[in-house]
PDB file of all heavy atoms in Angstrom:
ATOM      1  N   THR A   1       0.837  -1.194  -0.003  1.00  0.00           N
ATOM      2  CA  THR A   1       0.004   0.001   0.000  1.00  0.00           C
ATOM      3  C   THR A   1       0.874   1.253  -0.001  1.00  0.00           C
ATOM      4  O   THR A   1       2.042   1.218   0.352  1.00  0.00           O
ATOM      5  CB  THR A   1      -0.915   0.030   1.237  1.00  0.00           C
ATOM      6  OG1 THR A   1      -0.104   0.147   2.411  1.00  0.00           O
ATOM      7  CG2 THR A   1      -1.745  -1.242   1.310  1.00  0.00           C
ATOM      8  N   PHE A   2       0.260   2.365  -0.389  1.00  0.00           N
ATOM      9  CA  PHE A   2       0.998   3.620  -0.455  1.00  0.00           C
ATOM     10  C   PHE A   2       1.506   4.015   0.924  1.00  0.00           C
ATOM     11  O   PHE A   2       2.662   4.447   1.075  1.00  0.00           O
ATOM     12  CB  PHE A   2       0.076   4.711  -1.029  1.00  0.00           C
ATOM     13  CG  PHE A   2       0.716   6.059  -1.105  1.00  0.00           C
ATOM     14  CD1 PHE A   2       1.686   6.335  -2.068  1.00  0.00           C
ATOM     15  CD2 PHE A   2       0.369   7.067  -0.206  1.00  0.00           C
ATOM     16  CE1 PHE A   2       2.291   7.587  -2.137  1.00  0.00           C
ATOM     17  CE2 PHE A   2       0.958   8.318  -0.280  1.00  0.00           C
ATOM     18  CZ  PHE A   2       1.926   8.567  -1.245  1.00  0.00           C
ATOM     19  N   LEU A   3       0.649   3.886   1.948  1.00  0.00           N
ATOM     20  CA  LEU A   3       1.048   4.269   3.297  1.00  0.00           C
ATOM     21  C   LEU A   3       2.159   3.365   3.819  1.00  0.00           C
ATOM     22  O   LEU A   3       3.111   3.822   4.471  1.00  0.00           O
ATOM     23  CB  LEU A   3      -0.158   4.220   4.248  1.00  0.00           C
ATOM     24  CG  LEU A   3      -1.190   5.335   4.052  1.00  0.00           C
ATOM     25  CD1 LEU A   3      -2.363   5.145   5.013  1.00  0.00           C
ATOM     26  CD2 LEU A   3      -0.551   6.698   4.270  1.00  0.00           C
ATOM     27  N   ASN A   4       2.065   2.068   3.529  1.00  0.00           N
ATOM     28  CA  ASN A   4       3.123   1.151   3.952  1.00  0.00           C
ATOM     29  C   ASN A   4       4.436   1.478   3.260  1.00  0.00           C
ATOM     30  O   ASN A   4       5.514   1.368   3.852  1.00  0.00           O
ATOM     31  CB  ASN A   4       2.720  -0.298   3.666  1.00  0.00           C
ATOM     32  CG  ASN A   4       1.668  -0.804   4.633  1.00  0.00           C
ATOM     33  OD1 ASN A   4       1.485  -0.238   5.706  1.00  0.00           O
ATOM     34  ND2 ASN A   4       0.951  -1.850   4.242  1.00  0.00           N
ATOM     35  N   GLY A   5       4.337   1.856   1.981  1.00  0.00           N
ATOM     36  CA  GLY A   5       5.535   2.235   1.244  1.00  0.00           C
ATOM     37  C   GLY A   5       6.198   3.462   1.833  1.00  0.00           C
ATOM     38  O   GLY A   5       7.419   3.512   2.004  1.00  0.00           O
ATOM     39  N   LEU A   6       5.378   4.482   2.176  1.00  0.00           N
ATOM     40  CA  LEU A   6       5.931   5.690   2.800  1.00  0.00           C
ATOM     41  C   LEU A   6       6.550   5.381   4.159  1.00  0.00           C
ATOM     42  O   LEU A   6       7.615   5.893   4.510  1.00  0.00           O
ATOM     43  CB  LEU A   6       4.835   6.740   2.965  1.00  0.00           C
ATOM     44  CG  LEU A   6       4.403   7.517   1.723  1.00  0.00           C
ATOM     45  CD1 LEU A   6       3.302   8.516   2.074  1.00  0.00           C
ATOM     46  CD2 LEU A   6       5.590   8.245   1.098  1.00  0.00           C
ATOM     47  N   GLN A   7       5.874   4.514   4.910  1.00  0.00           N
ATOM     48  CA  GLN A   7       6.391   4.152   6.232  1.00  0.00           C
ATOM     49  C   GLN A   7       7.726   3.436   6.110  1.00  0.00           C
ATOM     50  O   GLN A   7       8.678   3.731   6.845  1.00  0.00           O
ATOM     51  CB  GLN A   7       5.379   3.254   6.945  1.00  0.00           C
ATOM     52  CG  GLN A   7       5.816   2.856   8.355  1.00  0.00           C
ATOM     53  CD  GLN A   7       4.793   1.965   9.041  1.00  0.00           C
ATOM     54  OE1 GLN A   7       3.758   1.651   8.476  1.00  0.00           O
ATOM     55  NE2 GLN A   7       5.077   1.556  10.268  1.00  0.00           N
ATOM     56  N   GLU A   8       7.825   2.499   5.168  1.00  0.00           N
ATOM     57  CA  GLU A   8       9.085   1.780   4.976  1.00  0.00           C
ATOM     58  C   GLU A   8      10.186   2.721   4.494  1.00  0.00           C
ATOM     59  O   GLU A   8      11.338   2.625   4.935  1.00  0.00           O
ATOM     60  CB  GLU A   8       8.877   0.635   3.988  1.00  0.00           C
ATOM     61  CG  GLU A   8      10.100  -0.261   3.846  1.00  0.00           C
ATOM     62  CD  GLU A   8       9.820  -1.501   3.012  1.00  0.00           C
ATOM     63  OE1 GLU A   8       8.629  -1.821   2.803  1.00  0.00           O
ATOM     64  OE2 GLU A   8      10.798  -2.137   2.571  1.00  0.00           O
ATOM     65  N   LEU A   9       9.819   3.633   3.601  1.00  0.00           N
ATOM     66  CA  LEU A   9      10.798   4.611   3.103  1.00  0.00           C
ATOM     67  C   LEU A   9      11.331   5.456   4.261  1.00  0.00           C
ATOM     68  O   LEU A   9      12.546   5.677   4.370  1.00  0.00           O
ATOM     69  CB  LEU A   9      10.131   5.501   2.060  1.00  0.00           C
ATOM     70  CG  LEU A   9      11.015   6.501   1.313  1.00  0.00           C
ATOM     71  CD1 LEU A   9      11.999   5.784   0.426  1.00  0.00           C
ATOM     72  CD2 LEU A   9      10.151   7.456   0.482  1.00  0.00           C
ATOM     73  N   PHE A  10      10.435   5.900   5.116  1.00  0.00           N
ATOM     74  CA  PHE A  10      10.830   6.711   6.264  1.00  0.00           C
ATOM     75  C   PHE A  10      11.735   5.929   7.212  1.00  0.00           C
ATOM     76  O   PHE A  10      12.776   6.425   7.665  1.00  0.00           O
ATOM     77  CB  PHE A  10       9.577   7.186   7.000  1.00  0.00           C
ATOM     78  CG  PHE A  10       9.855   8.016   8.229  1.00  0.00           C
ATOM     79  CD1 PHE A  10      10.210   9.350   8.119  1.00  0.00           C
ATOM     80  CD2 PHE A  10       9.769   7.448   9.495  1.00  0.00           C
ATOM     81  CE1 PHE A  10      10.470  10.110   9.245  1.00  0.00           C
ATOM     82  CE2 PHE A  10      10.023   8.202  10.629  1.00  0.00           C
ATOM     83  CZ  PHE A  10      10.378   9.533  10.512  1.00  0.00           C
ATOM     84  N   VAL A  11      11.365   4.681   7.489  1.00  0.00           N
ATOM     85  CA  VAL A  11      12.121   3.871   8.446  1.00  0.00           C
ATOM     86  C   VAL A  11      13.535   3.605   7.943  1.00  0.00           C
ATOM     87  O   VAL A  11      14.519   3.737   8.689  1.00  0.00           O
ATOM     88  CB  VAL A  11      11.387   2.548   8.738  1.00  0.00           C
ATOM     89  CG1 VAL A  11      12.292   1.576   9.502  1.00  0.00           C
ATOM     90  CG2 VAL A  11      10.122   2.804   9.535  1.00  0.00           C
ATOM     91  N   VAL A  12      13.683   3.225   6.678  1.00  0.00           N
ATOM     92  CA  VAL A  12      15.017   2.864   6.179  1.00  0.00           C
ATOM     93  C   VAL A  12      15.924   4.090   6.091  1.00  0.00           C
ATOM     94  O   VAL A  12      17.132   3.988   6.318  1.00  0.00           O
ATOM     95  CB  VAL A  12      14.929   2.147   4.814  1.00  0.00           C
ATOM     96  CG1 VAL A  12      14.201   0.824   4.928  1.00  0.00           C
ATOM     97  CG2 VAL A  12      14.272   3.012   3.756  1.00  0.00           C
ATOM     98  N   ILE A  13      15.346   5.256   5.780  1.00  0.00           N
ATOM     99  CA  ILE A  13      16.168   6.474   5.700  1.00  0.00           C
ATOM    100  C   ILE A  13      16.579   6.925   7.095  1.00  0.00           C
ATOM    101  O   ILE A  13      17.753   7.223   7.351  1.00  0.00           O
ATOM    102  CB  ILE A  13      15.414   7.582   4.945  1.00  0.00           C
ATOM    103  CG1 ILE A  13      15.265   7.202   3.470  1.00  0.00           C
ATOM    104  CG2 ILE A  13      16.164   8.906   5.075  1.00  0.00           C
ATOM    105  CD1 ILE A  13      14.451   8.186   2.656  1.00  0.00           C
ATOM    106  N   ILE A  14      15.622   6.978   8.025  1.00  0.00           N
ATOM    107  CA  ILE A  14      15.941   7.389   9.395  1.00  0.00           C
ATOM    108  C   ILE A  14      16.885   6.380  10.045  1.00  0.00           C
ATOM    109  O   ILE A  14      17.843   6.761  10.741  1.00  0.00           O
ATOM    110  CB  ILE A  14      14.657   7.531  10.233  1.00  0.00           C
ATOM    111  CG1 ILE A  14      13.788   8.660   9.677  1.00  0.00           C
ATOM    112  CG2 ILE A  14      15.012   7.805  11.705  1.00  0.00           C
ATOM    113  CD1 ILE A  14      14.462  10.017   9.677  1.00  0.00           C
ATOM    114  N   GLY A  15      16.641   5.100   9.806  1.00  0.00           N
ATOM    115  CA  GLY A  15      17.532   4.073  10.352  1.00  0.00           C
ATOM    116  C   GLY A  15      18.950   4.203   9.844  1.00  0.00           C
ATOM    117  O   GLY A  15      19.919   4.128  10.609  1.00  0.00           O
ATOM    118  N   GLY A  16      19.101   4.439   8.546  1.00  0.00           N
ATOM    119  CA  GLY A  16      20.430   4.631   7.967  1.00  0.00           C
ATOM    120  C   GLY A  16      21.102   5.866   8.530  1.00  0.00           C
ATOM    121  O   GLY A  16      22.315   5.862   8.800  1.00  0.00           O
ATOM    122  N   THR A  17      20.312   6.942   8.734  1.00  0.00           N
ATOM    123  CA  THR A  17      20.869   8.173   9.306  1.00  0.00           C
ATOM    124  C   THR A  17      21.393   7.944  10.714  1.00  0.00           C
ATOM    125  O   THR A  17      22.497   8.395  11.070  1.00  0.00           O
ATOM    126  CB  THR A  17      19.791   9.280   9.328  1.00  0.00           C
ATOM    127  OG1 THR A  17      19.339   9.514   7.991  1.00  0.00           O
ATOM    128  CG2 THR A  17      20.354  10.571   9.911  1.00  0.00           C
ATOM    129  N   LEU A  18      20.637   7.227  11.546  1.00  0.00           N
ATOM    130  CA  LEU A  18      21.052   6.964  12.929  1.00  0.00           C
ATOM    131  C   LEU A  18      22.311   6.110  12.983  1.00  0.00           C
ATOM    132  O   LEU A  18      23.222   6.367  13.786  1.00  0.00           O
ATOM    133  CB  LEU A  18      19.912   6.276  13.695  1.00  0.00           C
ATOM    134  CG  LEU A  18      18.670   7.145  13.942  1.00  0.00           C
ATOM    135  CD1 LEU A  18      17.580   6.311  14.621  1.00  0.00           C
ATOM    136  CD2 LEU A  18      19.019   8.358  14.782  1.00  0.00           C
ATOM    137  N   ILE A  19      22.397   5.105  12.123  1.00  0.00           N
ATOM    138  CA  ILE A  19      23.605   4.267  12.097  1.00  0.00           C
ATOM    139  C   ILE A  19      24.805   5.089  11.643  1.00  0.00           C
ATOM    140  O   ILE A  19      25.902   4.995  12.201  1.00  0.00           O
ATOM    141  CB  ILE A  19      23.386   3.048  11.176  1.00  0.00           C
ATOM    142  CG1 ILE A  19      22.383   2.091  11.816  1.00  0.00           C
ATOM    143  CG2 ILE A  19      24.708   2.324  10.900  1.00  0.00           C
ATOM    144  CD1 ILE A  19      21.977   0.938  10.938  1.00  0.00           C
ATOM    145  N   GLY A  20      24.622   5.913  10.631  1.00  0.00           N
ATOM    146  CA  GLY A  20      25.710   6.767  10.160  1.00  0.00           C
ATOM    147  C   GLY A  20      26.185   7.727  11.234  1.00  0.00           C
ATOM    148  O   GLY A  20      27.394   7.913  11.430  1.00  0.00           O
ATOM    149  N   LEU A  21      25.238   8.331  11.957  1.00  0.00           N
ATOM    150  CA  LEU A  21      25.606   9.246  13.048  1.00  0.00           C
ATOM    151  C   LEU A  21      26.361   8.508  14.148  1.00  0.00           C
ATOM    152  O   LEU A  21      27.364   8.992  14.678  1.00  0.00           O
ATOM    153  CB  LEU A  21      24.354   9.908  13.625  1.00  0.00           C
ATOM    154  CG  LEU A  21      23.686  11.001  12.773  1.00  0.00           C
ATOM    155  CD1 LEU A  21      22.359  11.421  13.390  1.00  0.00           C
ATOM    156  CD2 LEU A  21      24.596  12.205  12.617  1.00  0.00           C
ATOM    157  N   SER A  22      25.880   7.325  14.504  1.00  0.00           N
ATOM    158  CA  SER A  22      26.505   6.554  15.587  1.00  0.00           C
ATOM    159  C   SER A  22      27.946   6.196  15.237  1.00  0.00           C
ATOM    160  O   SER A  22      28.877   6.440  16.031  1.00  0.00           O
ATOM    161  CB  SER A  22      25.699   5.285  15.862  1.00  0.00           C
ATOM    162  OG  SER A  22      24.363   5.604  16.231  1.00  0.00           O
ATOM    163  N   LEU A  23      28.151   5.623  14.057  1.00  0.00           N
ATOM    164  CA  LEU A  23      29.508   5.225  13.672  1.00  0.00           C
ATOM    165  C   LEU A  23      30.397   6.440  13.418  1.00  0.00           C
ATOM    166  O   LEU A  23      31.597   6.416  13.703  1.00  0.00           O
ATOM    167  CB  LEU A  23      29.455   4.330  12.426  1.00  0.00           C
ATOM    168  CG  LEU A  23      28.877   2.932  12.649  1.00  0.00           C
ATOM    169  CD1 LEU A  23      28.857   2.153  11.339  1.00  0.00           C
ATOM    170  CD2 LEU A  23      29.668   2.170  13.688  1.00  0.00           C
ATOM    171  N   GLY A  24      29.809   7.500  12.873  1.00  0.00           N
ATOM    172  CA  GLY A  24      30.594   8.709  12.626  1.00  0.00           C
ATOM    173  C   GLY A  24      31.124   9.310  13.915  1.00  0.00           C
ATOM    174  O   GLY A  24      32.326   9.616  14.019  1.00  0.00           O
ATOM    175  N   TYR A  25      30.250   9.469  14.903  1.00  0.00           N
ATOM    176  CA  TYR A  25      30.697  10.069  16.166  1.00  0.00           C
ATOM    177  C   TYR A  25      31.579   9.110  16.963  1.00  0.00           C
ATOM    178  O   TYR A  25      32.468   9.557  17.715  1.00  0.00           O
ATOM    179  CB  TYR A  25      29.500  10.514  16.987  1.00  0.00           C
ATOM    180  CG  TYR A  25      28.966  11.853  16.536  1.00  0.00           C
ATOM    181  CD1 TYR A  25      27.807  11.945  15.759  1.00  0.00           C
ATOM    182  CD2 TYR A  25      29.640  13.035  16.841  1.00  0.00           C
ATOM    183  CE1 TYR A  25      27.330  13.182  15.317  1.00  0.00           C
ATOM    184  CE2 TYR A  25      29.172  14.258  16.414  1.00  0.00           C
ATOM    185  CZ  TYR A  25      28.022  14.339  15.648  1.00  0.00           C
ATOM    186  OH  TYR A  25      27.565  15.549  15.202  1.00  0.00           O
ATOM    187  N   LEU A  26      31.376   7.808  16.816  1.00  0.00           N
ATOM    188  CA  LEU A  26      32.291   6.848  17.445  1.00  0.00           C
ATOM    189  C   LEU A  26      33.696   6.999  16.872  1.00  0.00           C
ATOM    190  O   LEU A  26      34.693   6.972  17.612  1.00  0.00           O
ATOM    191  CB  LEU A  26      31.777   5.421  17.229  1.00  0.00           C
ATOM    192  CG  LEU A  26      32.699   4.296  17.745  1.00  0.00           C
ATOM    193  CD1 LEU A  26      32.885   4.400  19.253  1.00  0.00           C
ATOM    194  CD2 LEU A  26      32.123   2.934  17.360  1.00  0.00           C
ATOM    195  N   SER A  27      33.779   7.190  15.573  1.00  0.00           N
ATOM    196  CA  SER A  27      35.093   7.371  14.952  1.00  0.00           C
ATOM    197  C   SER A  27      35.747   8.679  15.412  1.00  0.00           C
ATOM    198  O   SER A  27      36.968   8.742  15.545  1.00  0.00           O
ATOM    199  CB  SER A  27      34.965   7.358  13.420  1.00  0.00           C
ATOM    200  OG  SER A  27      34.301   8.521  12.947  1.00  0.00           O
ATOM    201  N   VAL A  28      34.927   9.721  15.653  1.00  0.00           N
ATOM    202  CA  VAL A  28      35.473  10.985  16.156  1.00  0.00           C
ATOM    203  C   VAL A  28      36.167  10.762  17.498  1.00  0.00           C
ATOM    204  O   VAL A  28      37.275  11.261  17.747  1.00  0.00           O
ATOM    205  CB  VAL A  28      34.352  12.041  16.289  1.00  0.00           C
ATOM    206  CG1 VAL A  28      34.871  13.276  17.018  1.00  0.00           C
ATOM    207  CG2 VAL A  28      33.818  12.432  14.918  1.00  0.00           C
ATOM    208  N   VAL A  29      35.534   9.980  18.372  1.00  0.00           N
ATOM    209  CA  VAL A  29      36.124   9.668  19.680  1.00  0.00           C
ATOM    210  C   VAL A  29      37.443   8.910  19.500  1.00  0.00           C
ATOM    211  O   VAL A  29      38.443   9.190  20.172  1.00  0.00           O
ATOM    212  CB  VAL A  29      35.144   8.837  20.538  1.00  0.00           C
ATOM    213  CG1 VAL A  29      35.816   8.393  21.845  1.00  0.00           C
ATOM    214  CG2 VAL A  29      33.887   9.649  20.834  1.00  0.00           C
ATOM    215  N   LEU A  30      37.454   7.958  18.567  1.00  0.00           N
ATOM    216  CA  LEU A  30      38.665   7.159  18.348  1.00  0.00           C
ATOM    217  C   LEU A  30      39.775   7.993  17.708  1.00  0.00           C
ATOM    218  O   LEU A  30      40.958   7.752  17.970  1.00  0.00           O
ATOM    219  CB  LEU A  30      38.333   5.944  17.484  1.00  0.00           C
ATOM    220  CG  LEU A  30      37.370   4.936  18.133  1.00  0.00           C
ATOM    221  CD1 LEU A  30      37.017   3.815  17.148  1.00  0.00           C
ATOM    222  CD2 LEU A  30      37.981   4.345  19.402  1.00  0.00           C
ATOM    223  N   PHE A  31      39.403   8.958  16.862  1.00  0.00           N
ATOM    224  CA  PHE A  31      40.410   9.846  16.272  1.00  0.00           C
ATOM    225  C   PHE A  31      41.194  10.580  17.357  1.00  0.00           C
ATOM    226  O   PHE A  31      42.394  10.801  17.236  1.00  0.00           O
ATOM    227  CB  PHE A  31      39.763  10.863  15.333  1.00  0.00           C
ATOM    228  CG  PHE A  31      39.534  10.347  13.937  1.00  0.00           C
ATOM    229  CD1 PHE A  31      38.299  10.479  13.334  1.00  0.00           C
ATOM    230  CD2 PHE A  31      40.556   9.743  13.221  1.00  0.00           C
ATOM    231  CE1 PHE A  31      38.071  10.021  12.052  1.00  0.00           C
ATOM    232  CE2 PHE A  31      40.341   9.275  11.933  1.00  0.00           C
ATOM    233  CZ  PHE A  31      39.091   9.405  11.352  1.00  0.00           C
ATOM    234  N   ARG A  32      40.499  10.977  18.412  1.00  0.00           N
ATOM    235  CA  ARG A  32      41.143  11.723  19.486  1.00  0.00           C
ATOM    236  C   ARG A  32      42.173  10.872  20.235  1.00  0.00           C
ATOM    237  O   ARG A  32      43.107  11.413  20.834  1.00  0.00           O
ATOM    238  CB  ARG A  32      40.095  12.234  20.467  1.00  0.00           C
ATOM    239  CG  ARG A  32      39.179  13.302  19.871  1.00  0.00           C
ATOM    240  CD  ARG A  32      38.038  13.625  20.812  1.00  0.00           C
ATOM    241  NE  ARG A  32      37.122  14.620  20.220  1.00  0.00           N
ATOM    242  CZ  ARG A  32      35.877  14.812  20.620  1.00  0.00           C
ATOM    243  NH1 ARG A  32      35.388  14.071  21.611  1.00  0.00           N
ATOM    244  NH2 ARG A  32      35.124  15.723  20.040  1.00  0.00           N
ATOM    245  N   GLN A  33      41.996   9.533  20.188  1.00  0.00           N
ATOM    246  CA  GLN A  33      42.921   8.657  20.903  1.00  0.00           C
ATOM    247  C   GLN A  33      44.098   8.217  20.033  1.00  0.00           C
ATOM    248  O   GLN A  33      45.045   7.616  20.533  1.00  0.00           O
ATOM    249  CB  GLN A  33      42.168   7.396  21.379  1.00  0.00           C
ATOM    250  CG  GLN A  33      40.851   7.666  22.079  1.00  0.00           C
ATOM    251  CD  GLN A  33      40.989   8.540  23.303  1.00  0.00           C
ATOM    252  OE1 GLN A  33      41.938   8.374  24.065  1.00  0.00           O
ATOM    253  NE2 GLN A  33      40.060   9.475  23.484  1.00  0.00           N
ATOM    254  N   SER A  34      44.025   8.489  18.736  1.00  0.00           N
ATOM    255  CA  SER A  34      45.037   7.969  17.806  1.00  0.00           C
ATOM    256  C   SER A  34      45.899   9.107  17.262  1.00  0.00           C
ATOM    257  O   SER A  34      45.403  10.194  16.975  1.00  0.00           O
ATOM    258  CB  SER A  34      44.365   7.234  16.644  1.00  0.00           C
ATOM    259  OG  SER A  34      45.305   6.896  15.645  1.00  0.00           O
ATOM    260  N   GLU A  35      47.188   8.822  17.105  1.00  0.00           N
ATOM    261  CA  GLU A  35      48.101   9.779  16.483  1.00  0.00           C
ATOM    262  C   GLU A  35      48.826   9.156  15.293  1.00  0.00           C
ATOM    263  O   GLU A  35      49.803   9.704  14.805  1.00  0.00           O
ATOM    264  CB  GLU A  35      49.126  10.268  17.516  1.00  0.00           C
ATOM    265  CG  GLU A  35      48.505  11.040  18.668  1.00  0.00           C
ATOM    266  CD  GLU A  35      49.533  11.540  19.664  1.00  0.00           C
ATOM    267  OE1 GLU A  35      50.728  11.238  19.460  1.00  0.00           O
ATOM    268  OE2 GLU A  35      49.156  12.226  20.625  1.00  0.00           O
ATOM    269  N   ASP A  36      48.338   8.006  14.857  1.00  0.00           N
ATOM    270  CA  ASP A  36      48.974   7.284  13.753  1.00  0.00           C
ATOM    271  C   ASP A  36      48.096   7.388  12.512  1.00  0.00           C
ATOM    272  O   ASP A  36      46.963   6.882  12.506  1.00  0.00           O
ATOM    273  CB  ASP A  36      49.176   5.814  14.142  1.00  0.00           C
ATOM    274  CG  ASP A  36      49.780   5.005  12.998  1.00  0.00           C
ATOM    275  OD1 ASP A  36      50.367   5.616  12.076  1.00  0.00           O
ATOM    276  OD2 ASP A  36      49.668   3.765  13.026  1.00  0.00           O
ATOM    277  N   PRO A  37      48.556   8.055  11.453  1.00  0.00           N
ATOM    278  CA  PRO A  37      47.716   8.214  10.257  1.00  0.00           C
ATOM    279  C   PRO A  37      47.335   6.903   9.594  1.00  0.00           C
ATOM    280  O   PRO A  37      46.253   6.787   9.030  1.00  0.00           O
ATOM    281  CB  PRO A  37      48.583   9.082   9.324  1.00  0.00           C
ATOM    282  CG  PRO A  37      49.973   8.980   9.839  1.00  0.00           C
ATOM    283  CD  PRO A  37      49.857   8.752  11.308  1.00  0.00           C
ATOM    284  N   LEU A  38      48.209   5.877   9.674  1.00  0.00           N
ATOM    285  CA  LEU A  38      47.875   4.588   9.065  1.00  0.00           C
ATOM    286  C   LEU A  38      46.728   3.913   9.810  1.00  0.00           C
ATOM    287  O   LEU A  38      45.836   3.296   9.200  1.00  0.00           O
ATOM    288  CB  LEU A  38      49.110   3.687   9.040  1.00  0.00           C
ATOM    289  CG  LEU A  38      50.294   4.223   8.211  1.00  0.00           C
ATOM    290  CD1 LEU A  38      51.456   3.237   8.248  1.00  0.00           C
ATOM    291  CD2 LEU A  38      49.869   4.488   6.771  1.00  0.00           C
ATOM    292  N   SER A  39      46.737   4.034  11.136  1.00  0.00           N
ATOM    293  CA  SER A  39      45.627   3.501  11.925  1.00  0.00           C
ATOM    294  C   SER A  39      44.336   4.255  11.621  1.00  0.00           C
ATOM    295  O   SER A  39      43.244   3.672  11.562  1.00  0.00           O
ATOM    296  CB  SER A  39      45.934   3.586  13.423  1.00  0.00           C
ATOM    297  OG  SER A  39      47.072   2.829  13.746  1.00  0.00           O
ATOM    298  N   ASP A  40      44.462   5.560  11.402  1.00  0.00           N
ATOM    299  CA  ASP A  40      43.284   6.359  11.062  1.00  0.00           C
ATOM    300  C   ASP A  40      42.705   5.961   9.713  1.00  0.00           C
ATOM    301  O   ASP A  40      41.479   5.970   9.524  1.00  0.00           O
ATOM    302  CB  ASP A  40      43.648   7.848  11.053  1.00  0.00           C
ATOM    303  CG  ASP A  40      43.932   8.378  12.451  1.00  0.00           C
ATOM    304  OD1 ASP A  40      43.495   7.738  13.428  1.00  0.00           O
ATOM    305  OD2 ASP A  40      44.624   9.418  12.569  1.00  0.00           O
ATOM    306  N   ILE A  41      43.566   5.587   8.786  1.00  0.00           N
ATOM    307  CA  ILE A  41      43.087   5.109   7.477  1.00  0.00           C
ATOM    308  C   ILE A  41      42.267   3.839   7.667  1.00  0.00           C
ATOM    309  O   ILE A  41      41.168   3.689   7.114  1.00  0.00           O
ATOM    310  CB  ILE A  41      44.265   4.856   6.523  1.00  0.00           C
ATOM    311  CG1 ILE A  41      44.862   6.185   6.040  1.00  0.00           C
ATOM    312  CG2 ILE A  41      43.811   4.025   5.313  1.00  0.00           C
ATOM    313  CD1 ILE A  41      46.109   6.011   5.193  1.00  0.00           C
ATOM    314  N   LEU A  42      42.802   2.900   8.453  1.00  0.00           N
ATOM    315  CA  LEU A  42      42.070   1.653   8.719  1.00  0.00           C
ATOM    316  C   LEU A  42      40.729   1.952   9.384  1.00  0.00           C
ATOM    317  O   LEU A  42      39.708   1.308   9.066  1.00  0.00           O
ATOM    318  CB  LEU A  42      42.903   0.734   9.610  1.00  0.00           C
ATOM    319  CG  LEU A  42      44.199   0.190   8.999  1.00  0.00           C
ATOM    320  CD1 LEU A  42      44.919  -0.696  10.006  1.00  0.00           C
ATOM    321  CD2 LEU A  42      43.899  -0.617   7.721  1.00  0.00           C
ATOM    322  N   LEU A  43      40.706   2.921  10.289  1.00  0.00           N
ATOM    323  CA  LEU A  43      39.465   3.276  10.963  1.00  0.00           C
ATOM    324  C   LEU A  43      38.426   3.802   9.975  1.00  0.00           C
ATOM    325  O   LEU A  43      37.256   3.414  10.021  1.00  0.00           O
ATOM    326  CB  LEU A  43      39.751   4.325  12.042  1.00  0.00           C
ATOM    327  CG  LEU A  43      38.524   4.913  12.772  1.00  0.00           C
ATOM    328  CD1 LEU A  43      37.739   3.822  13.471  1.00  0.00           C
ATOM    329  CD2 LEU A  43      38.963   5.993  13.759  1.00  0.00           C
TER     330      LEU A  43
END
């Protein structure tokens, strides 16, 4: 249905945004602990 399609579209976009924010800010914390550019590349 149209409403189910909109709901699924909303869920997958918001879900992807939350995962991206979580991993992005986690990497920011790890950047502060690292001083090795090669390790940062792997991260």
